[in-house]
């Protein structure tokens, strides 16, 4: 895994890596331009991800996030390019744990209440014609206040795009939570997210995905 060429993204200094996967790497970032103090999560296109389709998908993720404003979705705060032209986005930093781990000790009513907050966030995205396409526990963190935050719209799509664009060309999906149409490589709609939500709920209630 190659590190970014620069330790700065616009006004943000990269402190440490939080995680990576698919086409992006996420870092803890601190604003260091002297204007305000702010801690963010900075997502960069991976330094070794030189495929044009990945670059376009990363730029699309930034734009899709700009459409969304919901308490159950991590907010987009800023976007730009590094000095060497690498695109980045700065998001609300969510210090939390994956929803399946957080929910493990909860009673049934509390698990369902938590899950409904996630559903409300997904519904907000759908009202903006955005399908997430990668809903899974690791993409849903629960913060210190007990509120879930939906992350990673890296393979999301707009419903009004041409139908061929709904195909996951690079097959960036998580088999344990992917819908049948994703596994087949067929056209995907909001029903794709609904299926994945059901798989997440199965995990919260049973302790594993329905495909395990």
C-alpha atoms as a PDB file:
ATOM      1  CA  UNK A   1       0.000   0.000   0.000  1.00  0.00           C
ATOM      2  CA  UNK A   2       1.729   3.177  -1.197  1.00  0.00           C
ATOM      3  CA  UNK A   3       1.578   6.308   0.945  1.00  0.00           C
ATOM      4  CA  UNK A   4       0.422   9.595  -0.643  1.00  0.00           C
ATOM      5  CA  UNK A   5       3.242  11.710  -2.074  1.00  0.00           C
ATOM      6  CA  UNK A   6       2.293  14.620   0.176  1.00  0.00           C
ATOM      7  CA  UNK A   7       1.281  14.638   3.832  1.00  0.00           C
ATOM      8  CA  UNK A   8      -1.020  17.601   3.172  1.00  0.00           C
ATOM      9  CA  UNK A   9      -4.326  17.894   1.324  1.00  0.00           C
ATOM     10  CA  UNK A  10      -5.202  21.551   0.914  1.00  0.00           C
ATOM     11  CA  UNK A  11      -5.453  22.975   4.455  1.00  0.00           C
ATOM     12  CA  UNK A  12      -5.403  19.506   6.066  1.00  0.00           C
ATOM     13  CA  UNK A  13      -2.397  17.643   7.440  1.00  0.00           C
ATOM     14  CA  UNK A  14      -2.649  13.870   7.289  1.00  0.00           C
ATOM     15  CA  UNK A  15      -2.044  12.454  10.777  1.00  0.00           C
ATOM     16  CA  UNK A  16      -2.494   8.697  10.358  1.00  0.00           C
ATOM     17  CA  UNK A  17      -4.275   6.169   8.196  1.00  0.00           C
ATOM     18  CA  UNK A  18      -7.714   5.103   9.388  1.00  0.00           C
ATOM     19  CA  UNK A  19      -8.329   2.454   6.756  1.00  0.00           C
ATOM     20  CA  UNK A  20      -8.207   1.573   3.080  1.00  0.00           C
ATOM     21  CA  UNK A  21      -9.961  -0.595   0.568  1.00  0.00           C
ATOM     22  CA  UNK A  22     -11.322  -0.592  -2.947  1.00  0.00           C
ATOM     23  CA  UNK A  23     -10.089   2.574  -4.632  1.00  0.00           C
ATOM     24  CA  UNK A  24      -9.528   4.875  -1.632  1.00  0.00           C
ATOM     25  CA  UNK A  25      -7.509   5.404   1.524  1.00  0.00           C
ATOM     26  CA  UNK A  26      -8.879   7.286   4.537  1.00  0.00           C
ATOM     27  CA  UNK A  27      -6.733   9.346   6.908  1.00  0.00           C
ATOM     28  CA  UNK A  28      -7.316  11.284  10.068  1.00  0.00           C
ATOM     29  CA  UNK A  29      -6.699  14.895   9.121  1.00  0.00           C
ATOM     30  CA  UNK A  30      -6.203  18.138  11.024  1.00  0.00           C
ATOM     31  CA  UNK A  31      -6.845  21.562   9.572  1.00  0.00           C
ATOM     32  CA  UNK A  32      -3.585  23.511   9.794  1.00  0.00           C
ATOM     33  CA  UNK A  33      -4.155  26.768   7.893  1.00  0.00           C
ATOM     34  CA  UNK A  34      -4.662  28.831  11.043  1.00  0.00           C
ATOM     35  CA  UNK A  35      -8.301  29.623  10.283  1.00  0.00           C
ATOM     36  CA  UNK A  36     -10.099  27.130  12.542  1.00  0.00           C
ATOM     37  CA  UNK A  37      -9.260  23.976  14.460  1.00  0.00           C
ATOM     38  CA  UNK A  38     -10.954  20.982  12.888  1.00  0.00           C
ATOM     39  CA  UNK A  39     -10.489  17.214  12.787  1.00  0.00           C
ATOM     40  CA  UNK A  40     -11.744  15.452   9.668  1.00  0.00           C
ATOM     41  CA  UNK A  41     -11.548  12.182   7.785  1.00  0.00           C
ATOM     42  CA  UNK A  42      -9.673  12.724   4.523  1.00  0.00           C
ATOM     43  CA  UNK A  43     -10.280  10.257   1.725  1.00  0.00           C
ATOM     44  CA  UNK A  44      -7.768  10.039  -1.095  1.00  0.00           C
ATOM     45  CA  UNK A  45      -7.821   8.139  -4.322  1.00  0.00           C
ATOM     46  CA  UNK A  46      -5.233   5.420  -3.782  1.00  0.00           C
ATOM     47  CA  UNK A  47      -1.817   6.375  -5.124  1.00  0.00           C
ATOM     48  CA  UNK A  48      -1.697   3.138  -7.139  1.00  0.00           C
ATOM     49  CA  UNK A  49      -5.255   3.527  -8.465  1.00  0.00           C
ATOM     50  CA  UNK A  50      -4.420   4.972 -11.867  1.00  0.00           C
ATOM     51  CA  UNK A  51      -7.400   3.515 -13.718  1.00  0.00           C
ATOM     52  CA  UNK A  52      -9.521   6.243 -15.373  1.00  0.00           C
ATOM     53  CA  UNK A  53     -12.748   4.536 -14.245  1.00  0.00           C
ATOM     54  CA  UNK A  54     -11.630   4.716 -10.579  1.00  0.00           C
ATOM     55  CA  UNK A  55     -10.727   8.395 -10.899  1.00  0.00           C
ATOM     56  CA  UNK A  56     -14.140   9.168 -12.377  1.00  0.00           C
ATOM     57  CA  UNK A  57     -15.885   7.128  -9.668  1.00  0.00           C
ATOM     58  CA  UNK A  58     -14.008   8.981  -6.922  1.00  0.00           C
ATOM     59  CA  UNK A  59     -15.020  12.359  -8.342  1.00  0.00           C
ATOM     60  CA  UNK A  60     -18.595  11.122  -8.591  1.00  0.00           C
ATOM     61  CA  UNK A  61     -18.547  10.064  -4.920  1.00  0.00           C
ATOM     62  CA  UNK A  62     -17.620  13.621  -3.931  1.00  0.00           C
ATOM     63  CA  UNK A  63     -20.501  15.054  -5.934  1.00  0.00           C
ATOM     64  CA  UNK A  64     -23.038  12.543  -4.618  1.00  0.00           C
ATOM     65  CA  UNK A  65     -22.061  13.325  -1.026  1.00  0.00           C
ATOM     66  CA  UNK A  66     -22.559  17.029  -1.735  1.00  0.00           C
ATOM     67  CA  UNK A  67     -26.251  16.306  -2.381  1.00  0.00           C
ATOM     68  CA  UNK A  68     -26.788  14.683   1.030  1.00  0.00           C
ATOM     69  CA  UNK A  69     -27.508  16.285   4.399  1.00  0.00           C
ATOM     70  CA  UNK A  70     -28.801  13.847   7.010  1.00  0.00           C
ATOM     71  CA  UNK A  71     -27.812  13.023  10.621  1.00  0.00           C
ATOM     72  CA  UNK A  72     -27.339   9.351   9.704  1.00  0.00           C
ATOM     73  CA  UNK A  73     -24.896  10.113   6.860  1.00  0.00           C
ATOM     74  CA  UNK A  74     -21.351  11.387   7.423  1.00  0.00           C
ATOM     75  CA  UNK A  75     -21.230  14.930   6.019  1.00  0.00           C
ATOM     76  CA  UNK A  76     -18.986  16.118   3.216  1.00  0.00           C
ATOM     77  CA  UNK A  77     -17.046  19.154   4.485  1.00  0.00           C
ATOM     78  CA  UNK A  78     -14.591  19.953   1.706  1.00  0.00           C
ATOM     79  CA  UNK A  79     -13.071  18.656  -1.516  1.00  0.00           C
ATOM     80  CA  UNK A  80     -10.094  19.492  -3.682  1.00  0.00           C
ATOM     81  CA  UNK A  81      -6.857  18.272  -5.218  1.00  0.00           C
ATOM     82  CA  UNK A  82      -3.397  17.892  -3.727  1.00  0.00           C
ATOM     83  CA  UNK A  83      -0.442  19.769  -5.204  1.00  0.00           C
ATOM     84  CA  UNK A  84       0.326  16.783  -7.425  1.00  0.00           C
ATOM     85  CA  UNK A  85      -3.264  16.589  -8.698  1.00  0.00           C
ATOM     86  CA  UNK A  86      -4.574  13.759  -6.547  1.00  0.00           C
ATOM     87  CA  UNK A  87      -8.290  14.293  -5.703  1.00  0.00           C
ATOM     88  CA  UNK A  88      -9.411  14.181  -2.087  1.00  0.00           C
ATOM     89  CA  UNK A  89     -12.512  14.772   0.000  1.00  0.00           C
ATOM     90  CA  UNK A  90     -12.770  15.817   3.638  1.00  0.00           C
ATOM     91  CA  UNK A  91     -15.619  14.371   5.653  1.00  0.00           C
ATOM     92  CA  UNK A  92     -17.000  14.513   9.143  1.00  0.00           C
ATOM     93  CA  UNK A  93     -14.755  12.330  11.295  1.00  0.00           C
ATOM     94  CA  UNK A  94     -16.838   9.647  12.990  1.00  0.00           C
ATOM     95  CA  UNK A  95     -15.126   8.134  16.002  1.00  0.00           C
ATOM     96  CA  UNK A  96     -17.210   5.025  16.483  1.00  0.00           C
ATOM     97  CA  UNK A  97     -17.540   1.276  16.035  1.00  0.00           C
ATOM     98  CA  UNK A  98     -19.182  -0.861  13.377  1.00  0.00           C
ATOM     99  CA  UNK A  99     -22.907  -1.232  13.964  1.00  0.00           C
ATOM    100  CA  UNK A 100     -22.782  -5.027  14.402  1.00  0.00           C
ATOM    101  CA  UNK A 101     -20.213  -4.771  17.203  1.00  0.00           C
ATOM    102  CA  UNK A 102     -22.052  -1.867  18.846  1.00  0.00           C
ATOM    103  CA  UNK A 103     -25.398  -3.658  18.700  1.00  0.00           C
ATOM    104  CA  UNK A 104     -24.179  -7.032  19.947  1.00  0.00           C
ATOM    105  CA  UNK A 105     -25.014  -6.420  23.646  1.00  0.00           C
ATOM    106  CA  UNK A 106     -28.266  -4.518  22.979  1.00  0.00           C
ATOM    107  CA  UNK A 107     -31.759  -5.909  23.437  1.00  0.00           C
ATOM    108  CA  UNK A 108     -34.033  -6.523  20.464  1.00  0.00           C
ATOM    109  CA  UNK A 109     -35.948  -3.241  20.703  1.00  0.00           C
ATOM    110  CA  UNK A 110     -32.725  -1.215  20.874  1.00  0.00           C
ATOM    111  CA  UNK A 111     -31.267  -3.045  17.871  1.00  0.00           C
ATOM    112  CA  UNK A 112     -34.348  -2.360  15.775  1.00  0.00           C
ATOM    113  CA  UNK A 113     -34.455   1.304  16.854  1.00  0.00           C
ATOM    114  CA  UNK A 114     -30.813   1.699  15.826  1.00  0.00           C
ATOM    115  CA  UNK A 115     -31.461  -0.022  12.513  1.00  0.00           C
ATOM    116  CA  UNK A 116     -34.400   2.284  11.736  1.00  0.00           C
ATOM    117  CA  UNK A 117     -32.082   5.287  12.001  1.00  0.00           C
ATOM    118  CA  UNK A 118     -29.921   3.687   9.310  1.00  0.00           C
ATOM    119  CA  UNK A 119     -32.996   3.085   7.159  1.00  0.00           C
ATOM    120  CA  UNK A 120     -33.910   6.759   7.482  1.00  0.00           C
ATOM    121  CA  UNK A 121     -30.485   7.772   6.179  1.00  0.00           C
ATOM    122  CA  UNK A 122     -30.719   5.368   3.247  1.00  0.00           C
ATOM    123  CA  UNK A 123     -34.210   6.669   2.490  1.00  0.00           C
ATOM    124  CA  UNK A 124     -32.788  10.207   2.383  1.00  0.00           C
ATOM    125  CA  UNK A 125     -30.221   9.087  -0.186  1.00  0.00           C
ATOM    126  CA  UNK A 126     -32.925   7.386  -2.239  1.00  0.00           C
ATOM    127  CA  UNK A 127     -35.043  10.553  -2.213  1.00  0.00           C
ATOM    128  CA  UNK A 128     -32.048  12.222  -3.850  1.00  0.00           C
ATOM    129  CA  UNK A 129     -31.961   9.379  -6.412  1.00  0.00           C
ATOM    130  CA  UNK A 130     -28.746   7.951  -4.938  1.00  0.00           C
ATOM    131  CA  UNK A 131     -28.216   4.208  -4.424  1.00  0.00           C
ATOM    132  CA  UNK A 132     -25.355   3.327  -2.051  1.00  0.00           C
ATOM    133  CA  UNK A 133     -24.705  -0.238  -3.343  1.00  0.00           C
ATOM    134  CA  UNK A 134     -22.313  -1.254  -0.551  1.00  0.00           C
ATOM    135  CA  UNK A 135     -24.335  -1.293   2.664  1.00  0.00           C
ATOM    136  CA  UNK A 136     -22.630  -3.482   5.263  1.00  0.00           C
ATOM    137  CA  UNK A 137     -21.789  -3.205   8.985  1.00  0.00           C
ATOM    138  CA  UNK A 138     -18.276  -1.840   8.428  1.00  0.00           C
ATOM    139  CA  UNK A 139     -19.750   1.061   6.444  1.00  0.00           C
ATOM    140  CA  UNK A 140     -22.104   2.001   9.294  1.00  0.00           C
ATOM    141  CA  UNK A 141     -20.357   3.368  12.383  1.00  0.00           C
ATOM    142  CA  UNK A 142     -22.122   4.221  15.634  1.00  0.00           C
ATOM    143  CA  UNK A 143     -20.698   7.298  17.354  1.00  0.00           C
ATOM    144  CA  UNK A 144     -20.304   8.038  21.064  1.00  0.00           C
ATOM    145  CA  UNK A 145     -23.857   9.379  21.269  1.00  0.00           C
ATOM    146  CA  UNK A 146     -25.262   6.091  19.950  1.00  0.00           C
ATOM    147  CA  UNK A 147     -26.186   7.469  16.526  1.00  0.00           C
ATOM    148  CA  UNK A 148     -25.300   5.535  13.352  1.00  0.00           C
ATOM    149  CA  UNK A 149     -23.414   7.227  10.518  1.00  0.00           C
ATOM    150  CA  UNK A 150     -23.408   5.823   7.003  1.00  0.00           C
ATOM    151  CA  UNK A 151     -20.027   5.974   5.242  1.00  0.00           C
ATOM    152  CA  UNK A 152     -18.392   5.175   1.915  1.00  0.00           C
ATOM    153  CA  UNK A 153     -20.424   6.103  -1.140  1.00  0.00           C
ATOM    154  CA  UNK A 154     -17.531   5.000  -3.344  1.00  0.00           C
ATOM    155  CA  UNK A 155     -19.642   2.794  -5.641  1.00  0.00           C
ATOM    156  CA  UNK A 156     -22.888   4.713  -5.271  1.00  0.00           C
ATOM    157  CA  UNK A 157     -24.811   5.797  -8.372  1.00  0.00           C
ATOM    158  CA  UNK A 158     -27.465   8.225  -9.491  1.00  0.00           C
ATOM    159  CA  UNK A 159     -30.682   6.563 -10.596  1.00  0.00           C
ATOM    160  CA  UNK A 160     -31.053   8.872 -13.581  1.00  0.00           C
ATOM    161  CA  UNK A 161     -27.750   7.751 -15.098  1.00  0.00           C
ATOM    162  CA  UNK A 162     -27.882   5.566 -18.178  1.00  0.00           C
ATOM    163  CA  UNK A 163     -28.885   2.033 -17.259  1.00  0.00           C
ATOM    164  CA  UNK A 164     -25.559   0.589 -18.380  1.00  0.00           C
ATOM    165  CA  UNK A 165     -23.904   2.669 -15.660  1.00  0.00           C
ATOM    166  CA  UNK A 166     -25.821   0.730 -13.009  1.00  0.00           C
ATOM    167  CA  UNK A 167     -23.651  -2.311 -13.633  1.00  0.00           C
ATOM    168  CA  UNK A 168     -20.793  -2.794 -11.181  1.00  0.00           C
ATOM    169  CA  UNK A 169     -18.199  -3.063 -13.936  1.00  0.00           C
ATOM    170  CA  UNK A 170     -15.312  -3.622 -11.548  1.00  0.00           C
ATOM    171  CA  UNK A 171     -17.433  -5.880  -9.302  1.00  0.00           C
ATOM    172  CA  UNK A 172     -16.671  -3.757  -6.245  1.00  0.00           C
ATOM    173  CA  UNK A 173     -19.084  -5.412  -3.842  1.00  0.00           C
ATOM    174  CA  UNK A 174     -19.228  -7.349  -0.593  1.00  0.00           C
ATOM    175  CA  UNK A 175     -20.644 -10.852  -1.269  1.00  0.00           C
ATOM    176  CA  UNK A 176     -22.089 -11.314   2.218  1.00  0.00           C
ATOM    177  CA  UNK A 177     -24.347  -8.260   1.791  1.00  0.00           C
ATOM    178  CA  UNK A 178     -24.671  -7.874  -1.985  1.00  0.00           C
ATOM    179  CA  UNK A 179     -28.056  -8.310  -3.635  1.00  0.00           C
ATOM    180  CA  UNK A 180     -28.698 -11.077  -6.188  1.00  0.00           C
ATOM    181  CA  UNK A 181     -28.674  -8.551  -9.056  1.00  0.00           C
ATOM    182  CA  UNK A 182     -25.267  -7.291  -7.939  1.00  0.00           C
ATOM    183  CA  UNK A 183     -23.865 -10.812  -7.869  1.00  0.00           C
ATOM    184  CA  UNK A 184     -25.283 -11.414 -11.347  1.00  0.00           C
ATOM    185  CA  UNK A 185     -24.002  -8.074 -12.653  1.00  0.00           C
ATOM    186  CA  UNK A 186     -27.536  -6.917 -13.522  1.00  0.00           C
ATOM    187  CA  UNK A 187     -29.088  -3.451 -13.370  1.00  0.00           C
ATOM    188  CA  UNK A 188     -29.385  -2.143  -9.803  1.00  0.00           C
ATOM    189  CA  UNK A 189     -32.049   0.046  -8.209  1.00  0.00           C
ATOM    190  CA  UNK A 190     -33.118   1.136  -4.716  1.00  0.00           C
ATOM    191  CA  UNK A 191     -34.161  -2.503  -4.200  1.00  0.00           C
ATOM    192  CA  UNK A 192     -30.432  -3.309  -4.160  1.00  0.00           C
ATOM    193  CA  UNK A 193     -30.002  -1.239  -1.004  1.00  0.00           C
ATOM    194  CA  UNK A 194     -33.175  -2.647   0.542  1.00  0.00           C
ATOM    195  CA  UNK A 195     -31.805  -6.176   0.159  1.00  0.00           C
ATOM    196  CA  UNK A 196     -28.483  -5.151   1.738  1.00  0.00           C
ATOM    197  CA  UNK A 197     -30.313  -3.464   4.607  1.00  0.00           C
ATOM    198  CA  UNK A 198     -32.106  -6.753   5.233  1.00  0.00           C
ATOM    199  CA  UNK A 199     -28.746  -8.523   5.313  1.00  0.00           C
ATOM    200  CA  UNK A 200     -27.437  -5.975   7.836  1.00  0.00           C
ATOM    201  CA  UNK A 201     -30.532  -6.469  10.011  1.00  0.00           C
ATOM    202  CA  UNK A 202     -30.014 -10.244   9.816  1.00  0.00           C
ATOM    203  CA  UNK A 203     -26.500  -9.713  11.161  1.00  0.00           C
ATOM    204  CA  UNK A 204     -27.741  -7.518  14.014  1.00  0.00           C
ATOM    205  CA  UNK A 205     -30.351 -10.064  15.057  1.00  0.00           C
ATOM    206  CA  UNK A 206     -28.588 -13.377  14.306  1.00  0.00           C
ATOM    207  CA  UNK A 207     -24.929 -12.449  14.498  1.00  0.00           C
ATOM    208  CA  UNK A 208     -23.982 -13.201  10.887  1.00  0.00           C
ATOM    209  CA  UNK A 209     -24.947 -12.273   7.351  1.00  0.00           C
ATOM    210  CA  UNK A 210     -27.625 -14.426   5.643  1.00  0.00           C
ATOM    211  CA  UNK A 211     -24.987 -15.738   3.209  1.00  0.00           C
ATOM    212  CA  UNK A 212     -22.675 -17.132   5.878  1.00  0.00           C
END
